[in-house]
Amino acid sequence: SLRLSCAAPGRTLSSYGLGWFRQVPGKAREFVA
């Protein structure tokens, strides 16, 4: 298991929809969540 974090220093994210994507070399960026 791993837990990834994504922060926005100095900024509130409460008005934003957020997502995670992933990419391997040579392939398109892929939706995760």
Full PDB file with SEQRES, HELIX, SHEET, SSBOND, CRYST1, ORIGX, SCALE, CONECT and MASTER records, all heavy atoms in Angstrom:
SEQRES   1 A   33  SER LEU ARG LEU SER CYS ALA ALA PRO GLY ARG THR LEU          
SEQRES   2 A   33  SER SER TYR GLY LEU GLY TRP PHE ARG GLN VAL PRO GLY          
SEQRES   3 A   33  LYS ALA ARG GLU PHE VAL ALA                                  
SHEET    1 AA1 2 PHE A  21  ARG A  22  0                                        
SHEET    2 AA1 2 GLU A  30  PHE A  31 -1                                        
CRYST1    1.000    1.000    1.000  90.00  90.00  90.00 P 1           1          
ORIGX1      1.000000  0.000000  0.000000        0.00000                         
ORIGX2      0.000000  1.000000  0.000000        0.00000                         
ORIGX3      0.000000  0.000000  1.000000        0.00000                         
SCALE1      1.000000  0.000000  0.000000        0.00000                         
SCALE2      0.000000  1.000000  0.000000        0.00000                         
SCALE3      0.000000  0.000000  1.000000        0.00000                         
ATOM      1  N   SER A   1       0.837  -1.210   0.000  1.00  0.00           N  
ATOM      2  CA  SER A   1       0.000   0.000   0.000  1.00  0.00           C  
ATOM      3  C   SER A   1       0.868   1.256   0.000  1.00  0.00           C  
ATOM      4  O   SER A   1       1.992   1.247   0.497  1.00  0.00           O  
ATOM      5  CB  SER A   1      -0.909   0.025   1.232  1.00  0.00           C  
ATOM      6  OG  SER A   1      -1.797  -1.063   1.251  1.00  0.00           O  
ATOM      7  N   LEU A   2       0.313   2.311  -0.542  1.00  0.00           N  
ATOM      8  CA  LEU A   2       0.916   3.630  -0.499  1.00  0.00           C  
ATOM      9  C   LEU A   2      -0.199   4.658  -0.382  1.00  0.00           C  
ATOM     10  O   LEU A   2      -1.318   4.416  -0.845  1.00  0.00           O  
ATOM     11  CB  LEU A   2       1.711   3.935  -1.768  1.00  0.00           C  
ATOM     12  CG  LEU A   2       3.110   3.390  -1.938  1.00  0.00           C  
ATOM     13  CD1 LEU A   2       3.641   3.765  -3.328  1.00  0.00           C  
ATOM     14  CD2 LEU A   2       4.046   3.887  -0.863  1.00  0.00           C  
ATOM     15  N   ARG A   3       0.135   5.802   0.187  1.00  0.00           N  
ATOM     16  CA  ARG A   3      -0.799   6.920   0.173  1.00  0.00           C  
ATOM     17  C   ARG A   3      -0.107   8.124  -0.462  1.00  0.00           C  
ATOM     18  O   ARG A   3       0.919   8.594   0.039  1.00  0.00           O  
ATOM     19  CB  ARG A   3      -1.293   7.289   1.569  1.00  0.00           C  
ATOM     20  CG  ARG A   3      -2.410   8.335   1.505  1.00  0.00           C  
ATOM     21  CD  ARG A   3      -3.003   8.677   2.856  1.00  0.00           C  
ATOM     22  NE  ARG A   3      -2.195   9.634   3.593  1.00  0.00           N  
ATOM     23  CZ  ARG A   3      -2.661  10.415   4.548  1.00  0.00           C  
ATOM     24  NH1 ARG A   3      -3.949  10.349   4.877  1.00  0.00           N  
ATOM     25  NH2 ARG A   3      -1.861  11.230   5.195  1.00  0.00           N  
ATOM     26  N   LEU A   4      -0.692   8.587  -1.549  1.00  0.00           N  
ATOM     27  CA  LEU A   4      -0.201   9.793  -2.205  1.00  0.00           C  
ATOM     28  C   LEU A   4      -0.939  11.008  -1.658  1.00  0.00           C  
ATOM     29  O   LEU A   4      -2.117  10.926  -1.321  1.00  0.00           O  
ATOM     30  CB  LEU A   4      -0.412   9.710  -3.716  1.00  0.00           C  
ATOM     31  CG  LEU A   4       0.176   8.496  -4.429  1.00  0.00           C  
ATOM     32  CD1 LEU A   4      -0.060   8.618  -5.937  1.00  0.00           C  
ATOM     33  CD2 LEU A   4       1.645   8.332  -4.120  1.00  0.00           C  
ATOM     34  N   SER A   5      -0.216  12.103  -1.605  1.00  0.00           N  
ATOM     35  CA  SER A   5      -0.805  13.369  -1.185  1.00  0.00           C  
ATOM     36  C   SER A   5      -0.558  14.414  -2.256  1.00  0.00           C  
ATOM     37  O   SER A   5       0.426  14.343  -2.998  1.00  0.00           O  
ATOM     38  CB  SER A   5      -0.188  13.854   0.130  1.00  0.00           C  
ATOM     39  OG  SER A   5      -0.364  12.917   1.161  1.00  0.00           O  
ATOM     40  N   CYS A   6      -1.447  15.381  -2.303  1.00  0.00           N  
ATOM     41  CA  CYS A   6      -1.289  16.494  -3.227  1.00  0.00           C  
ATOM     42  C   CYS A   6      -1.747  17.750  -2.499  1.00  0.00           C  
ATOM     43  O   CYS A   6      -2.921  17.854  -2.120  1.00  0.00           O  
ATOM     44  CB  CYS A   6      -2.099  16.269  -4.492  1.00  0.00           C  
ATOM     45  SG  CYS A   6      -2.105  17.672  -5.618  1.00  0.00           S  
ATOM     46  N   ALA A   7      -0.832  18.665  -2.312  1.00  0.00           N  
ATOM     47  CA  ALA A   7      -1.130  19.877  -1.559  1.00  0.00           C  
ATOM     48  C   ALA A   7      -1.049  21.106  -2.454  1.00  0.00           C  
ATOM     49  O   ALA A   7      -0.384  21.094  -3.489  1.00  0.00           O  
ATOM     50  CB  ALA A   7      -0.153  20.019  -0.392  1.00  0.00           C  
ATOM     51  N   ALA A   8      -1.732  22.141  -2.028  1.00  0.00           N  
ATOM     52  CA  ALA A   8      -1.702  23.431  -2.719  1.00  0.00           C  
ATOM     53  C   ALA A   8      -1.265  24.489  -1.711  1.00  0.00           C  
ATOM     54  O   ALA A   8      -2.104  25.162  -1.108  1.00  0.00           O  
ATOM     55  CB  ALA A   8      -3.063  23.774  -3.301  1.00  0.00           C  
ATOM     56  N   PRO A   9       0.028  24.640  -1.527  1.00  0.00           N  
ATOM     57  CA  PRO A   9       0.528  25.563  -0.505  1.00  0.00           C  
ATOM     58  C   PRO A   9       0.007  26.985  -0.694  1.00  0.00           C  
ATOM     59  O   PRO A   9       0.068  27.535  -1.789  1.00  0.00           O  
ATOM     60  CB  PRO A   9       2.046  25.510  -0.717  1.00  0.00           C  
ATOM     61  CG  PRO A   9       2.293  24.190  -1.361  1.00  0.00           C  
ATOM     62  CD  PRO A   9       1.098  23.950  -2.228  1.00  0.00           C  
ATOM     63  N   GLY A  10      -0.570  27.527   0.380  1.00  0.00           N  
ATOM     64  CA  GLY A  10      -1.032  28.905   0.337  1.00  0.00           C  
ATOM     65  C   GLY A  10      -2.310  29.116  -0.429  1.00  0.00           C  
ATOM     66  O   GLY A  10      -2.686  30.260  -0.707  1.00  0.00           O  
ATOM     67  N   ARG A  11      -2.995  28.038  -0.746  1.00  0.00           N  
ATOM     68  CA  ARG A  11      -4.181  28.141  -1.587  1.00  0.00           C  
ATOM     69  C   ARG A  11      -5.264  27.231  -1.048  1.00  0.00           C  
ATOM     70  O   ARG A  11      -4.968  26.131  -0.606  1.00  0.00           O  
ATOM     71  CB  ARG A  11      -3.834  27.706  -3.007  1.00  0.00           C  
ATOM     72  CG  ARG A  11      -4.922  27.910  -4.025  1.00  0.00           C  
ATOM     73  CD  ARG A  11      -4.790  29.242  -4.680  1.00  0.00           C  
ATOM     74  NE  ARG A  11      -5.843  29.492  -5.639  1.00  0.00           N  
ATOM     75  CZ  ARG A  11      -5.792  30.422  -6.569  1.00  0.00           C  
ATOM     76  NH1 ARG A  11      -4.709  31.174  -6.674  1.00  0.00           N  
ATOM     77  NH2 ARG A  11      -6.789  30.635  -7.388  1.00  0.00           N  
ATOM     78  N   THR A  12      -6.504  27.671  -1.071  1.00  0.00           N  
ATOM     79  CA  THR A  12      -7.591  26.786  -0.685  1.00  0.00           C  
ATOM     80  C   THR A  12      -8.100  26.039  -1.904  1.00  0.00           C  
ATOM     81  O   THR A  12      -8.191  26.599  -2.997  1.00  0.00           O  
ATOM     82  CB  THR A  12      -8.733  27.574  -0.026  1.00  0.00           C  
ATOM     83  OG1 THR A  12      -9.780  26.656   0.321  1.00  0.00           O  
ATOM     84  CG2 THR A  12      -9.296  28.629  -0.967  1.00  0.00           C  
ATOM     85  N   LEU A  13      -8.396  24.773  -1.723  1.00  0.00           N  
ATOM     86  CA  LEU A  13      -8.893  23.949  -2.821  1.00  0.00           C  
ATOM     87  C   LEU A  13     -10.385  23.670  -2.712  1.00  0.00           C  
ATOM     88  O   LEU A  13     -10.916  22.861  -3.469  1.00  0.00           O  
ATOM     89  CB  LEU A  13      -8.139  22.616  -2.861  1.00  0.00           C  
ATOM     90  CG  LEU A  13      -6.668  22.685  -3.275  1.00  0.00           C  
ATOM     91  CD1 LEU A  13      -6.044  21.299  -3.195  1.00  0.00           C  
ATOM     92  CD2 LEU A  13      -6.520  23.242  -4.678  1.00  0.00           C  
ATOM     93  N   SER A  14     -11.059  24.332  -1.812  1.00  0.00           N  
ATOM     94  CA  SER A  14     -12.457  24.004  -1.550  1.00  0.00           C  
ATOM     95  C   SER A  14     -13.384  24.282  -2.731  1.00  0.00           C  
ATOM     96  O   SER A  14     -14.473  23.740  -2.802  1.00  0.00           O  
ATOM     97  CB  SER A  14     -12.953  24.762  -0.317  1.00  0.00           C  
ATOM     98  OG  SER A  14     -12.822  26.167  -0.509  1.00  0.00           O  
ATOM     99  N   SER A  15     -12.943  25.104  -3.679  1.00  0.00           N  
ATOM    100  CA  SER A  15     -13.782  25.429  -4.839  1.00  0.00           C  
ATOM    101  C   SER A  15     -13.405  24.617  -6.073  1.00  0.00           C  
ATOM    102  O   SER A  15     -13.908  24.884  -7.165  1.00  0.00           O  
ATOM    103  CB  SER A  15     -13.653  26.921  -5.183  1.00  0.00           C  
ATOM    104  OG  SER A  15     -14.118  27.720  -4.122  1.00  0.00           O  
ATOM    105  N   TYR A  16     -12.557  23.624  -5.888  1.00  0.00           N  
ATOM    106  CA  TYR A  16     -12.014  22.893  -7.025  1.00  0.00           C  
ATOM    107  C   TYR A  16     -12.433  21.434  -7.024  1.00  0.00           C  
ATOM    108  O   TYR A  16     -12.381  20.757  -5.986  1.00  0.00           O  
ATOM    109  CB  TYR A  16     -10.484  22.954  -7.018  1.00  0.00           C  
ATOM    110  CG  TYR A  16      -9.938  24.336  -7.287  1.00  0.00           C  
ATOM    111  CD1 TYR A  16      -9.881  25.286  -6.280  1.00  0.00           C  
ATOM    112  CD2 TYR A  16      -9.482  24.676  -8.558  1.00  0.00           C  
ATOM    113  CE1 TYR A  16      -9.397  26.549  -6.531  1.00  0.00           C  
ATOM    114  CE2 TYR A  16      -8.984  25.941  -8.812  1.00  0.00           C  
ATOM    115  CZ  TYR A  16      -8.945  26.877  -7.786  1.00  0.00           C  
ATOM    116  OH  TYR A  16      -8.457  28.131  -8.041  1.00  0.00           O  
ATOM    117  N   GLY A  17     -12.851  20.967  -8.209  1.00  0.00           N  
ATOM    118  CA  GLY A  17     -12.909  19.537  -8.418  1.00  0.00           C  
ATOM    119  C   GLY A  17     -11.488  19.031  -8.613  1.00  0.00           C  
ATOM    120  O   GLY A  17     -10.662  19.707  -9.234  1.00  0.00           O  
ATOM    121  N   LEU A  18     -11.208  17.844  -8.113  1.00  0.00           N  
ATOM    122  CA  LEU A  18      -9.837  17.338  -8.089  1.00  0.00           C  
ATOM    123  C   LEU A  18      -9.766  15.929  -8.646  1.00  0.00           C  
ATOM    124  O   LEU A  18     -10.731  15.161  -8.537  1.00  0.00           O  
ATOM    125  CB  LEU A  18      -9.322  17.351  -6.644  1.00  0.00           C  
ATOM    126  CG  LEU A  18      -9.353  18.712  -5.944  1.00  0.00           C  
ATOM    127  CD1 LEU A  18      -9.127  18.544  -4.449  1.00  0.00           C  
ATOM    128  CD2 LEU A  18      -8.337  19.652  -6.545  1.00  0.00           C  
ATOM    129  N   GLY A  19      -8.626  15.611  -9.203  1.00  0.00           N  
ATOM    130  CA  GLY A  19      -8.475  14.287  -9.768  1.00  0.00           C  
ATOM    131  C   GLY A  19      -7.053  13.771  -9.687  1.00  0.00           C  
ATOM    132  O   GLY A  19      -6.110  14.533  -9.432  1.00  0.00           O  
ATOM    133  N   TRP A  20      -6.930  12.474  -9.867  1.00  0.00           N  
ATOM    134  CA  TRP A  20      -5.626  11.811  -9.989  1.00  0.00           C  
ATOM    135  C   TRP A  20      -5.559  11.104 -11.342  1.00  0.00           C  
ATOM    136  O   TRP A  20      -6.524  10.450 -11.754  1.00  0.00           O  
ATOM    137  CB  TRP A  20      -5.436  10.766  -8.891  1.00  0.00           C  
ATOM    138  CG  TRP A  20      -5.141  11.322  -7.540  1.00  0.00           C  
ATOM    139  CD1 TRP A  20      -6.031  11.525  -6.518  1.00  0.00           C  
ATOM    140  CD2 TRP A  20      -3.870  11.741  -7.033  1.00  0.00           C  
ATOM    141  NE1 TRP A  20      -5.391  12.042  -5.414  1.00  0.00           N  
ATOM    142  CE2 TRP A  20      -4.061  12.176  -5.711  1.00  0.00           C  
ATOM    143  CE3 TRP A  20      -2.578  11.785  -7.570  1.00  0.00           C  
ATOM    144  CZ2 TRP A  20      -3.017  12.654  -4.925  1.00  0.00           C  
ATOM    145  CZ3 TRP A  20      -1.543  12.249  -6.802  1.00  0.00           C  
ATOM    146  CH2 TRP A  20      -1.764  12.694  -5.479  1.00  0.00           C  
ATOM    147  N   PHE A  21      -4.427  11.255 -11.994  1.00  0.00           N  
ATOM    148  CA  PHE A  21      -4.150  10.581 -13.252  1.00  0.00           C  
ATOM    149  C   PHE A  21      -2.798   9.894 -13.123  1.00  0.00           C  
ATOM    150  O   PHE A  21      -2.021  10.181 -12.206  1.00  0.00           O  
ATOM    151  CB  PHE A  21      -4.111  11.597 -14.406  1.00  0.00           C  
ATOM    152  CG  PHE A  21      -5.456  12.163 -14.765  1.00  0.00           C  
ATOM    153  CD1 PHE A  21      -6.078  13.093 -13.947  1.00  0.00           C  
ATOM    154  CD2 PHE A  21      -6.112  11.764 -15.919  1.00  0.00           C  
ATOM    155  CE1 PHE A  21      -7.326  13.620 -14.261  1.00  0.00           C  
ATOM    156  CE2 PHE A  21      -7.353  12.284 -16.255  1.00  0.00           C  
ATOM    157  CZ  PHE A  21      -7.957  13.201 -15.419  1.00  0.00           C  
ATOM    158  N   ARG A  22      -2.510   9.018 -14.045  1.00  0.00           N  
ATOM    159  CA  ARG A  22      -1.200   8.383 -14.070  1.00  0.00           C  
ATOM    160  C   ARG A  22      -0.743   8.197 -15.499  1.00  0.00           C  
ATOM    161  O   ARG A  22      -1.561   8.167 -16.430  1.00  0.00           O  
ATOM    162  CB  ARG A  22      -1.225   7.048 -13.327  1.00  0.00           C  
ATOM    163  CG  ARG A  22      -2.098   5.984 -13.952  1.00  0.00           C  
ATOM    164  CD  ARG A  22      -2.181   4.767 -13.023  1.00  0.00           C  
ATOM    165  NE  ARG A  22      -2.977   3.689 -13.608  1.00  0.00           N  
ATOM    166  CZ  ARG A  22      -3.311   2.587 -12.950  1.00  0.00           C  
ATOM    167  NH1 ARG A  22      -2.920   2.411 -11.678  1.00  0.00           N  
ATOM    168  NH2 ARG A  22      -4.025   1.662 -13.550  1.00  0.00           N  
ATOM    169  N   GLN A  23       0.573   8.074 -15.640  1.00  0.00           N  
ATOM    170  CA  GLN A  23       1.144   7.957 -16.976  1.00  0.00           C  
ATOM    171  C   GLN A  23       2.414   7.134 -16.927  1.00  0.00           C  
ATOM    172  O   GLN A  23       3.256   7.305 -16.045  1.00  0.00           O  
ATOM    173  CB  GLN A  23       1.441   9.346 -17.546  1.00  0.00           C  
ATOM    174  CG  GLN A  23       1.830   9.362 -18.993  1.00  0.00           C  
ATOM    175  CD  GLN A  23       1.917  10.767 -19.555  1.00  0.00           C  
ATOM    176  OE1 GLN A  23       2.152  11.726 -18.830  1.00  0.00           O  
ATOM    177  NE2 GLN A  23       1.732  10.901 -20.855  1.00  0.00           N  
ATOM    178  N   VAL A  24       2.531   6.248 -17.910  1.00  0.00           N  
ATOM    179  CA  VAL A  24       3.780   5.518 -18.118  1.00  0.00           C  
ATOM    180  C   VAL A  24       4.384   6.021 -19.411  1.00  0.00           C  
ATOM    181  O   VAL A  24       3.675   6.481 -20.309  1.00  0.00           O  
ATOM    182  CB  VAL A  24       3.546   3.990 -18.160  1.00  0.00           C  
ATOM    183  CG1 VAL A  24       2.997   3.510 -16.831  1.00  0.00           C  
ATOM    184  CG2 VAL A  24       2.593   3.609 -19.282  1.00  0.00           C  
ATOM    185  N   PRO A  25       5.702   5.938 -19.531  1.00  0.00           N  
ATOM    186  CA  PRO A  25       6.357   6.454 -20.737  1.00  0.00           C  
ATOM    187  C   PRO A  25       5.794   5.819 -22.003  1.00  0.00           C  
ATOM    188  O   PRO A  25       5.572   4.608 -22.069  1.00  0.00           O  
ATOM    189  CB  PRO A  25       7.815   6.064 -20.524  1.00  0.00           C  
ATOM    190  CG  PRO A  25       7.984   5.999 -19.046  1.00  0.00           C  
ATOM    191  CD  PRO A  25       6.677   5.473 -18.529  1.00  0.00           C  
ATOM    192  N   GLY A  26       5.513   6.669 -22.984  1.00  0.00           N  
ATOM    193  CA  GLY A  26       5.029   6.184 -24.259  1.00  0.00           C  
ATOM    194  C   GLY A  26       3.528   5.986 -24.338  1.00  0.00           C  
ATOM    195  O   GLY A  26       3.005   5.613 -25.388  1.00  0.00           O  
ATOM    196  N   LYS A  27       2.845   6.233 -23.229  1.00  0.00           N  
ATOM    197  CA  LYS A  27       1.389   6.069 -23.216  1.00  0.00           C  
ATOM    198  C   LYS A  27       0.707   7.366 -22.787  1.00  0.00           C  
ATOM    199  O   LYS A  27       1.313   8.231 -22.175  1.00  0.00           O  
ATOM    200  CB  LYS A  27       0.985   4.933 -22.279  1.00  0.00           C  
ATOM    201  CG  LYS A  27       1.398   3.556 -22.763  1.00  0.00           C  
ATOM    202  CD  LYS A  27       0.752   2.472 -21.927  1.00  0.00           C  
ATOM    203  CE  LYS A  27       1.073   1.100 -22.468  1.00  0.00           C  
ATOM    204  NZ  LYS A  27       0.425   0.018 -21.682  1.00  0.00           N  
ATOM    205  N   ALA A  28      -0.573   7.446 -23.123  1.00  0.00           N  
ATOM    206  CA  ALA A  28      -1.342   8.629 -22.763  1.00  0.00           C  
ATOM    207  C   ALA A  28      -1.605   8.661 -21.257  1.00  0.00           C  
ATOM    208  O   ALA A  28      -1.578   7.623 -20.584  1.00  0.00           O  
ATOM    209  CB  ALA A  28      -2.667   8.630 -23.515  1.00  0.00           C  
ATOM    210  N   ARG A  29      -1.843   9.856 -20.760  1.00  0.00           N  
ATOM    211  CA  ARG A  29      -2.193  10.004 -19.351  1.00  0.00           C  
ATOM    212  C   ARG A  29      -3.551   9.351 -19.112  1.00  0.00           C  
ATOM    213  O   ARG A  29      -4.494   9.546 -19.877  1.00  0.00           O  
ATOM    214  CB  ARG A  29      -2.223  11.493 -18.985  1.00  0.00           C  
ATOM    215  CG  ARG A  29      -2.184  11.758 -17.516  1.00  0.00           C  
ATOM    216  CD  ARG A  29      -1.823  13.200 -17.237  1.00  0.00           C  
ATOM    217  NE  ARG A  29      -0.430  13.491 -17.569  1.00  0.00           N  
ATOM    218  CZ  ARG A  29       0.172  14.629 -17.279  1.00  0.00           C  
ATOM    219  NH1 ARG A  29      -0.509  15.603 -16.664  1.00  0.00           N  
ATOM    220  NH2 ARG A  29       1.427  14.824 -17.608  1.00  0.00           N  
ATOM    221  N   GLU A  30      -3.650   8.624 -18.023  1.00  0.00           N  
ATOM    222  CA  GLU A  30      -4.822   7.786 -17.756  1.00  0.00           C  
ATOM    223  C   GLU A  30      -5.546   8.255 -16.498  1.00  0.00           C  
ATOM    224  O   GLU A  30      -4.911   8.506 -15.465  1.00  0.00           O  
ATOM    225  CB  GLU A  30      -4.348   6.336 -17.570  1.00  0.00           C  
ATOM    226  CG  GLU A  30      -5.417   5.351 -17.163  1.00  0.00           C  
ATOM    227  CD  GLU A  30      -4.829   3.996 -16.785  1.00  0.00           C  
ATOM    228  OE1 GLU A  30      -3.651   3.952 -16.363  1.00  0.00           O  
ATOM    229  OE2 GLU A  30      -5.548   2.997 -16.897  1.00  0.00           O  
ATOM    230  N   PHE A  31      -6.856   8.352 -16.588  1.00  0.00           N  
ATOM    231  CA  PHE A  31      -7.669   8.712 -15.432  1.00  0.00           C  
ATOM    232  C   PHE A  31      -7.584   7.625 -14.360  1.00  0.00           C  
ATOM    233  O   PHE A  31      -7.651   6.429 -14.668  1.00  0.00           O  
ATOM    234  CB  PHE A  31      -9.118   8.899 -15.867  1.00  0.00           C  
ATOM    235  CG  PHE A  31     -10.100   9.019 -14.731  1.00  0.00           C  
ATOM    236  CD1 PHE A  31     -10.161  10.186 -13.979  1.00  0.00           C  
ATOM    237  CD2 PHE A  31     -10.945   7.973 -14.408  1.00  0.00           C  
ATOM    238  CE1 PHE A  31     -11.055  10.303 -12.931  1.00  0.00           C  
ATOM    239  CE2 PHE A  31     -11.849   8.077 -13.365  1.00  0.00           C  
ATOM    240  CZ  PHE A  31     -11.903   9.247 -12.620  1.00  0.00           C  
ATOM    241  N   VAL A  32      -7.466   8.050 -13.107  1.00  0.00           N  
ATOM    242  CA  VAL A  32      -7.438   7.119 -11.986  1.00  0.00           C  
ATOM    243  C   VAL A  32      -8.656   7.338 -11.075  1.00  0.00           C  
ATOM    244  O   VAL A  32      -9.410   6.420 -10.807  1.00  0.00           O  
ATOM    245  CB  VAL A  32      -6.142   7.278 -11.167  1.00  0.00           C  
ATOM    246  CG1 VAL A  32      -6.177   6.387  -9.926  1.00  0.00           C  
ATOM    247  CG2 VAL A  32      -4.927   6.957 -12.026  1.00  0.00           C  
ATOM    248  N   ALA A  33      -8.809   8.564 -10.599  1.00  0.00           N  
ATOM    249  CA  ALA A  33      -9.898   8.851  -9.659  1.00  0.00           C  
ATOM    250  C   ALA A  33     -10.167  10.342  -9.642  1.00  0.00           C  
ATOM    251  O   ALA A  33      -9.293  11.144  -9.976  1.00  0.00           O  
ATOM    252  CB  ALA A  33      -9.535   8.367  -8.259  1.00  0.00           C  
TER     253      ALA A  33                                                      
MASTER        0    0    0    0    2    0    0    6  252    1    0    3          
END                                                                             
